[in-house]
Amino acid sequence: MLNITLDEREIKKLYLDEVRKRVEEIEEQALLIDTKELCRMLSLSRPTVEKLFIYNQNFPSMRVGKKWLFNRKEVEKYINRWSIDVKKKGGNVECDY
């Protein structure tokens, strides 16, 4: 005889983990992101993102009304180049507020 026991909490945890993964995949497919998503993508606060990137003329951004929008792929390319540059200069970024 076969006896199967299910732990409902573990099943719920596995389910929610998979849902979160799928939501992240869908978000990553978005062509344009806003400032909030940019901050989350970079793991930086909004003041830091504004100081380092948004007001930088070379950063790939566009203003639509009062909202800043960013092309995800262009941002990824820019950040890759920027991080290489930062590493070449010693790896420190000064962020005075």
Protein backbone atom coordinates (compact mmCIF):
# COMPACT_ATOMS: atom_id res chain seq x y z
CA MET A 1 0.00 0.00 0.00
CA LEU A 2 1.20 3.49 -0.86
CA ASN A 3 0.66 6.39 1.54
CA ILE A 4 1.17 9.95 0.26
CA THR A 5 1.35 12.94 2.61
CA LEU A 6 1.29 16.51 1.35
CA ASP A 7 2.58 19.47 3.32
CA GLU A 8 0.23 22.27 2.28
CA ARG A 9 2.60 24.99 3.52
CA GLU A 10 5.46 23.61 1.43
CA ILE A 11 3.23 23.30 -1.64
CA LYS A 12 2.05 26.89 -1.17
CA LYS A 13 5.65 28.10 -0.80
CA LEU A 14 6.74 26.27 -3.98
CA TYR A 15 3.74 27.66 -5.87
CA LEU A 16 4.40 31.25 -4.74
CA ASP A 17 8.10 30.96 -5.61
CA GLU A 18 7.21 29.87 -9.14
CA VAL A 19 4.65 32.66 -9.52
CA ARG A 20 7.26 35.24 -8.40
CA LYS A 21 9.76 33.87 -10.90
CA ARG A 22 7.23 34.09 -13.71
CA VAL A 23 6.24 37.67 -12.79
CA GLU A 24 9.93 38.67 -12.82
CA GLU A 25 10.35 37.07 -16.26
CA ILE A 26 7.36 38.99 -17.58
CA GLU A 27 8.64 42.27 -16.09
CA GLU A 28 12.05 41.71 -17.70
CA GLN A 29 10.37 41.51 -21.11
CA ALA A 30 8.95 45.01 -20.76
CA LEU A 31 10.48 47.34 -23.32
CA LEU A 32 10.13 50.52 -21.26
CA ILE A 33 10.55 50.83 -17.52
CA ASP A 34 9.82 53.72 -15.18
CA THR A 35 12.00 55.21 -12.44
CA LYS A 36 10.68 52.86 -9.78
CA GLU A 37 11.54 49.81 -11.91
CA LEU A 38 14.93 51.32 -12.76
CA CYS A 39 15.73 51.72 -9.05
CA ARG A 40 14.69 48.13 -8.40
CA MET A 41 16.68 46.90 -11.40
CA LEU A 42 19.82 48.68 -10.17
CA SER A 43 19.19 48.04 -6.45
CA LEU A 44 19.71 51.73 -5.77
CA SER A 45 17.64 54.45 -4.11
CA ARG A 46 15.88 57.02 -6.22
CA PRO A 47 18.18 59.90 -5.13
CA THR A 48 21.21 57.83 -6.11
CA VAL A 49 19.70 56.87 -9.47
CA GLU A 50 18.82 60.49 -10.15
CA LYS A 51 22.30 61.74 -9.23
CA LEU A 52 24.24 59.08 -11.13
CA PHE A 53 22.04 58.45 -14.14
CA ILE A 54 18.75 60.20 -14.81
CA TYR A 55 20.17 63.72 -15.13
CA ASN A 56 23.22 62.49 -17.06
CA GLN A 57 22.82 63.56 -20.69
CA ASN A 58 24.38 60.30 -21.93
CA PHE A 59 21.98 58.07 -20.00
CA PRO A 60 19.26 56.54 -22.23
CA SER A 61 16.18 58.24 -20.86
CA MET A 62 13.14 60.08 -22.12
CA ARG A 63 10.65 62.31 -20.43
CA VAL A 64 6.98 61.69 -21.18
CA GLY A 65 4.95 64.38 -19.46
CA LYS A 66 6.17 64.32 -15.87
CA LYS A 67 7.35 60.72 -16.05
CA TRP A 68 10.82 59.41 -16.88
CA LEU A 69 10.93 56.27 -19.04
CA PHE A 70 13.89 54.08 -19.97
CA ASN A 71 14.47 51.45 -22.62
CA ARG A 72 15.45 48.37 -20.62
CA LYS A 73 17.96 47.04 -23.18
CA GLU A 74 19.65 50.41 -23.62
CA VAL A 75 19.90 50.81 -19.84
CA GLU A 76 21.47 47.35 -19.53
CA LYS A 77 24.08 48.24 -22.16
CA TYR A 78 24.80 51.60 -20.53
CA ILE A 79 25.14 50.08 -17.04
CA ASN A 80 27.48 47.38 -18.35
CA ARG A 81 29.75 50.03 -19.90
CA TRP A 82 29.48 52.25 -16.82
CA SER A 83 30.37 49.43 -14.40
CA ILE A 84 33.44 48.50 -16.48
CA ASP A 85 34.48 52.16 -16.38
CA VAL A 86 33.97 52.33 -12.61
CA LYS A 87 36.07 49.18 -12.10
CA LYS A 88 38.88 50.66 -14.21
CA LYS A 89 38.86 53.73 -11.96
CA GLY A 90 39.19 51.72 -8.75
CA GLY A 91 35.61 50.56 -8.20
CA ASN A 92 34.40 53.42 -6.03
CA VAL A 93 31.49 55.69 -6.86
CA GLU A 94 31.15 58.95 -4.95
CA CYS A 95 27.55 59.82 -4.26
CA ASP A 96 27.34 63.03 -2.23
CA TYR A 97 23.86 64.35 -1.60
